[in-house]
C-alpha atoms as a PDB file:
ATOM      1  CA  MET A   1       6.251 -68.187  57.055  1.00  0.00           C
ATOM      2  CA  ALA A   2       6.303 -64.558  58.319  1.00  0.00           C
ATOM      3  CA  GLU A   3       9.804 -64.299  57.469  1.00  0.00           C
ATOM      4  CA  GLU A   4       9.155 -65.699  53.736  1.00  0.00           C
ATOM      5  CA  ASN A   5       6.599 -62.990  53.342  1.00  0.00           C
ATOM      6  CA  LYS A   6       8.606 -60.391  54.321  1.00  0.00           C
ATOM      7  CA  GLU A   7      11.376 -61.572  51.984  1.00  0.00           C
ATOM      8  CA  GLN A   8       9.020 -61.684  49.037  1.00  0.00           C
ATOM      9  CA  GLU A   9       7.623 -57.969  49.990  1.00  0.00           C
ATOM     10  CA  GLN A  10      11.341 -56.542  50.082  1.00  0.00           C
ATOM     11  CA  GLU A  11      11.980 -58.396  46.646  1.00  0.00           C
ATOM     12  CA  GLU A  12       8.774 -56.955  45.130  1.00  0.00           C
ATOM     13  CA  GLU A  13       9.698 -53.685  46.325  1.00  0.00           C
ATOM     14  CA  LYS A  14      13.125 -53.720  44.747  1.00  0.00           C
ATOM     15  CA  GLY A  15      11.806 -54.895  41.584  1.00  0.00           C
ATOM     16  CA  GLY A  16       9.042 -52.210  41.533  1.00  0.00           C
ATOM     17  CA  LYS A  17      11.775 -49.463  42.376  1.00  0.00           C
ATOM     18  CA  LYS A  18      13.858 -50.762  39.506  1.00  0.00           C
ATOM     19  CA  LYS A  19      10.857 -50.421  37.030  1.00  0.00           C
ATOM     20  CA  LEU A  20      10.067 -47.117  38.135  1.00  0.00           C
ATOM     21  CA  ILE A  21      13.800 -46.047  37.595  1.00  0.00           C
ATOM     22  CA  ILE A  22      13.701 -47.482  34.099  1.00  0.00           C
ATOM     23  CA  ILE A  23      10.574 -45.816  33.120  1.00  0.00           C
ATOM     24  CA  LEU A  24      11.374 -42.350  34.465  1.00  0.00           C
ATOM     25  CA  ALA A  25      14.893 -42.791  32.620  1.00  0.00           C
ATOM     26  CA  LEU A  26      13.118 -43.495  29.203  1.00  0.00           C
ATOM     27  CA  ILE A  27      10.704 -40.699  29.729  1.00  0.00           C
ATOM     28  CA  LEU A  28      13.519 -38.427  30.138  1.00  0.00           C
ATOM     29  CA  GLY A  29      15.509 -39.395  27.349  1.00  0.00           C
ATOM     30  CA  LEU A  30      12.473 -39.290  24.995  1.00  0.00           C
ATOM     31  CA  LEU A  31      11.959 -35.627  26.356  1.00  0.00           C
ATOM     32  CA  GLY A  32      15.524 -34.592  26.058  1.00  0.00           C
ATOM     33  CA  GLY A  33      15.426 -36.381  22.430  1.00  0.00           C
ATOM     34  CA  ALA A  34      12.182 -34.096  21.533  1.00  0.00           C
ATOM     35  CA  GLY A  35      13.947 -31.291  22.968  1.00  0.00           C
ATOM     36  CA  ALA A  36      17.160 -31.636  21.070  1.00  0.00           C
ATOM     37  CA  TYR A  37      15.195 -32.306  17.808  1.00  0.00           C
ATOM     38  CA  LYS A  38      13.193 -29.012  18.103  1.00  0.00           C
ATOM     39  CA  PHE A  39      16.252 -26.983  19.019  1.00  0.00           C
ATOM     40  CA  LEU A  40      18.340 -28.468  16.372  1.00  0.00           C
ATOM     41  CA  VAL A  41      15.910 -29.049  13.333  1.00  0.00           C
ATOM     42  CA  MET A  42      12.945 -26.945  13.843  1.00  0.00           C
ATOM     43  CA  ASP A  43      14.897 -23.750  14.829  1.00  0.00           C
ATOM     44  CA  LYS A  44      17.204 -24.035  11.416  1.00  0.00           C
ATOM     45  CA  ALA A  45      13.864 -24.489   9.533  1.00  0.00           C
ATOM     46  CA  LYS A  46      12.294 -21.236  10.887  1.00  0.00           C
ATOM     47  CA  GLU A  47      15.498 -19.162  10.201  1.00  0.00           C
ATOM     48  CA  GLU A  48      15.358 -20.347   6.568  1.00  0.00           C
ATOM     49  CA  GLU A  49      11.834 -19.051   6.424  1.00  0.00           C
ATOM     50  CA  GLN A  50      12.624 -16.035   8.025  1.00  0.00           C
ATOM     51  CA  GLN A  51      15.441 -15.109   5.701  1.00  0.00           C
ATOM     52  CA  PRO A  52      14.011 -12.503   2.876  1.00  0.00           C
ATOM     53  CA  ASN A  53      13.684 -13.830  -0.639  1.00  0.00           C
ATOM     54  CA  THR A  54      16.171 -11.491  -2.610  1.00  0.00           C
ATOM     55  CA  GLU A  55      13.854 -11.705  -5.529  1.00  0.00           C
ATOM     56  CA  GLU A  56      10.805 -10.241  -3.480  1.00  0.00           C
ATOM     57  CA  LEU A  57      13.353  -7.695  -2.228  1.00  0.00           C
ATOM     58  CA  GLU A  58      14.662  -6.823  -5.692  1.00  0.00           C
ATOM     59  CA  LYS A  59      11.061  -6.349  -6.890  1.00  0.00           C
ATOM     60  CA  GLU A  60      10.279  -4.144  -4.089  1.00  0.00           C
ATOM     61  CA  VAL A  61      13.342  -1.977  -4.761  1.00  0.00           C
ATOM     62  CA  GLN A  62      12.416  -1.623  -8.328  1.00  0.00           C
ATOM     63  CA  ASP A  63       8.738  -0.477  -7.279  1.00  0.00           C
ATOM     64  CA  ILE A  64      10.043   2.268  -5.135  1.00  0.00           C
ATOM     65  CA  GLU A  65      12.741   3.184  -7.898  1.00  0.00           C
ATOM     66  CA  ASN A  66       9.681   3.484 -10.379  1.00  0.00           C
ATOM     67  CA  LEU A  67       7.604   5.477  -8.198  1.00  0.00           C
ATOM     68  CA  GLY A  68       6.243   8.571 -10.203  1.00  0.00           C
ATOM     69  CA  ILE A  69       6.244  12.051  -9.355  1.00  0.00           C
ATOM     70  CA  MET A  70       4.193  12.967  -6.025  1.00  0.00           C
ATOM     71  CA  PHE A  71       1.720  15.687  -6.609  1.00  0.00           C
ATOM     72  CA  GLU A  72      -0.293  16.875  -3.171  1.00  0.00           C
ATOM     73  CA  VAL A  73      -3.486  17.934  -3.918  1.00  0.00           C
ATOM     74  CA  GLY A  74      -4.506  19.158  -0.430  1.00  0.00           C
ATOM     75  CA  THR A  75      -6.141  18.663   2.795  1.00  0.00           C
ATOM     76  CA  PHE A  76      -9.796  18.768   2.725  1.00  0.00           C
ATOM     77  CA  VAL A  77     -12.090  18.988   5.601  1.00  0.00           C
ATOM     78  CA  VAL A  78     -15.795  18.095   4.893  1.00  0.00           C
ATOM     79  CA  ASN A  79     -19.156  17.685   6.557  1.00  0.00           C
ATOM     80  CA  LEU A  80     -20.256  13.770   6.219  1.00  0.00           C
ATOM     81  CA  ALA A  81     -23.967  13.197   4.909  1.00  0.00           C
ATOM     82  CA  ASP A  82     -24.996  11.475   8.265  1.00  0.00           C
ATOM     83  CA  LYS A  83     -28.327  12.300   9.351  1.00  0.00           C
ATOM     84  CA  ASP A  84     -28.068  11.010  13.011  1.00  0.00           C
ATOM     85  CA  ALA A  85     -25.017  12.986  14.075  1.00  0.00           C
ATOM     86  CA  ASP A  86     -22.844  15.657  12.899  1.00  0.00           C
ATOM     87  CA  ARG A  87     -19.492  14.063  11.588  1.00  0.00           C
ATOM     88  CA  TYR A  88     -16.805  15.465   9.576  1.00  0.00           C
ATOM     89  CA  LEU A  89     -13.762  13.929   7.467  1.00  0.00           C
ATOM     90  CA  LYS A  90     -10.190  15.207   6.882  1.00  0.00           C
ATOM     91  CA  VAL A  91      -8.239  13.609   4.325  1.00  0.00           C
ATOM     92  CA  THR A  92      -5.088  14.494   2.557  1.00  0.00           C
ATOM     93  CA  VAL A  93      -4.928  13.404  -1.252  1.00  0.00           C
ATOM     94  CA  VAL A  94      -1.572  12.842  -2.918  1.00  0.00           C
ATOM     95  CA  LEU A  95      -1.560  11.781  -6.561  1.00  0.00           C
ATOM     96  CA  GLU A  96       1.001   9.762  -8.113  1.00  0.00           C
ATOM     97  CA  LEU A  97       1.693  10.996 -11.646  1.00  0.00           C
ATOM     98  CA  GLU A  98       3.660   9.477 -14.585  1.00  0.00           C
ATOM     99  CA  ASN A  99       5.624  12.464 -15.796  1.00  0.00           C
ATOM    100  CA  GLU A 100       5.769  16.154 -15.818  1.00  0.00           C
ATOM    101  CA  GLN A 101       3.411  16.684 -18.819  1.00  0.00           C
ATOM    102  CA  ILE A 102       0.589  15.064 -16.782  1.00  0.00           C
ATOM    103  CA  LYS A 103       1.738  17.314 -13.665  1.00  0.00           C
ATOM    104  CA  MET A 104       1.286  20.364 -15.751  1.00  0.00           C
ATOM    105  CA  GLU A 105      -2.035  19.377 -16.767  1.00  0.00           C
ATOM    106  CA  VAL A 106      -3.116  18.545 -13.108  1.00  0.00           C
ATOM    107  CA  GLU A 107      -1.850  21.733 -12.105  1.00  0.00           C
ATOM    108  CA  LYS A 108      -4.269  23.609 -14.736  1.00  0.00           C
ATOM    109  CA  ARG A 109      -7.120  21.402 -13.617  1.00  0.00           C
ATOM    110  CA  LEU A 110      -6.464  21.635 -10.008  1.00  0.00           C
ATOM    111  CA  PRO A 111      -9.664  23.605  -8.815  1.00  0.00           C
ATOM    112  CA  GLN A 112     -11.849  21.079 -10.778  1.00  0.00           C
ATOM    113  CA  ILE A 113      -9.999  18.225  -9.399  1.00  0.00           C
ATOM    114  CA  LYS A 114     -10.381  19.567  -5.753  1.00  0.00           C
ATOM    115  CA  ASP A 115     -14.152  20.631  -6.448  1.00  0.00           C
ATOM    116  CA  ALA A 116     -14.728  16.877  -7.531  1.00  0.00           C
ATOM    117  CA  ILE A 117     -13.092  15.327  -4.560  1.00  0.00           C
ATOM    118  CA  THR A 118     -15.054  17.785  -2.267  1.00  0.00           C
ATOM    119  CA  THR A 119     -18.336  16.870  -4.045  1.00  0.00           C
ATOM    120  CA  LEU A 120     -17.315  13.065  -3.776  1.00  0.00           C
ATOM    121  CA  LEU A 121     -16.600  13.226  -0.076  1.00  0.00           C
ATOM    122  CA  PHE A 122     -19.419  15.298   1.512  1.00  0.00           C
ATOM    123  CA  THR A 123     -21.929  12.931  -0.155  1.00  0.00           C
ATOM    124  CA  LYS A 124     -20.606   9.924   1.780  1.00  0.00           C
ATOM    125  CA  THR A 125     -21.834   8.753   5.162  1.00  0.00           C
ATOM    126  CA  SER A 126     -19.604   7.535   7.882  1.00  0.00           C
ATOM    127  CA  LYS A 127     -20.988   3.971   7.399  1.00  0.00           C
ATOM    128  CA  GLU A 128     -19.972   4.014   3.594  1.00  0.00           C
ATOM    129  CA  LEU A 129     -16.344   5.204   4.651  1.00  0.00           C
ATOM    130  CA  LYS A 130     -15.874   2.448   7.272  1.00  0.00           C
ATOM    131  CA  THR A 131     -16.209  -0.381   4.617  1.00  0.00           C
ATOM    132  CA  ILE A 132     -13.330  -1.450   2.214  1.00  0.00           C
ATOM    133  CA  ASP A 133     -15.432  -0.690  -1.113  1.00  0.00           C
END
């Protein structure tokens, strides 16, 4: 009787080991398949998404080519209207103009433009300038 019990336990251990090996092989196969799928399929999809659209690039190039005349008004340093602390703002203003005629008009009115910019800036508080509006 004792011999029969030992034989049955040995057979069960062999059967349990076989099941464990089969389960591990299936898990490894699934993981390998998932890795291969990600490597072969998913990476190609990402590459296609990362390639720039030629239409978008052409539009950007046209926008750059259609850039108007750049006119630098100047650098302004103004005190802000904050009451709780002394704060200042330093900003450089550059205008994009459509043609030479407008550039000549801006040059004639440059003192008025500078005064308007200065007046606008020193009435602002730092809190107002931090917002997008």
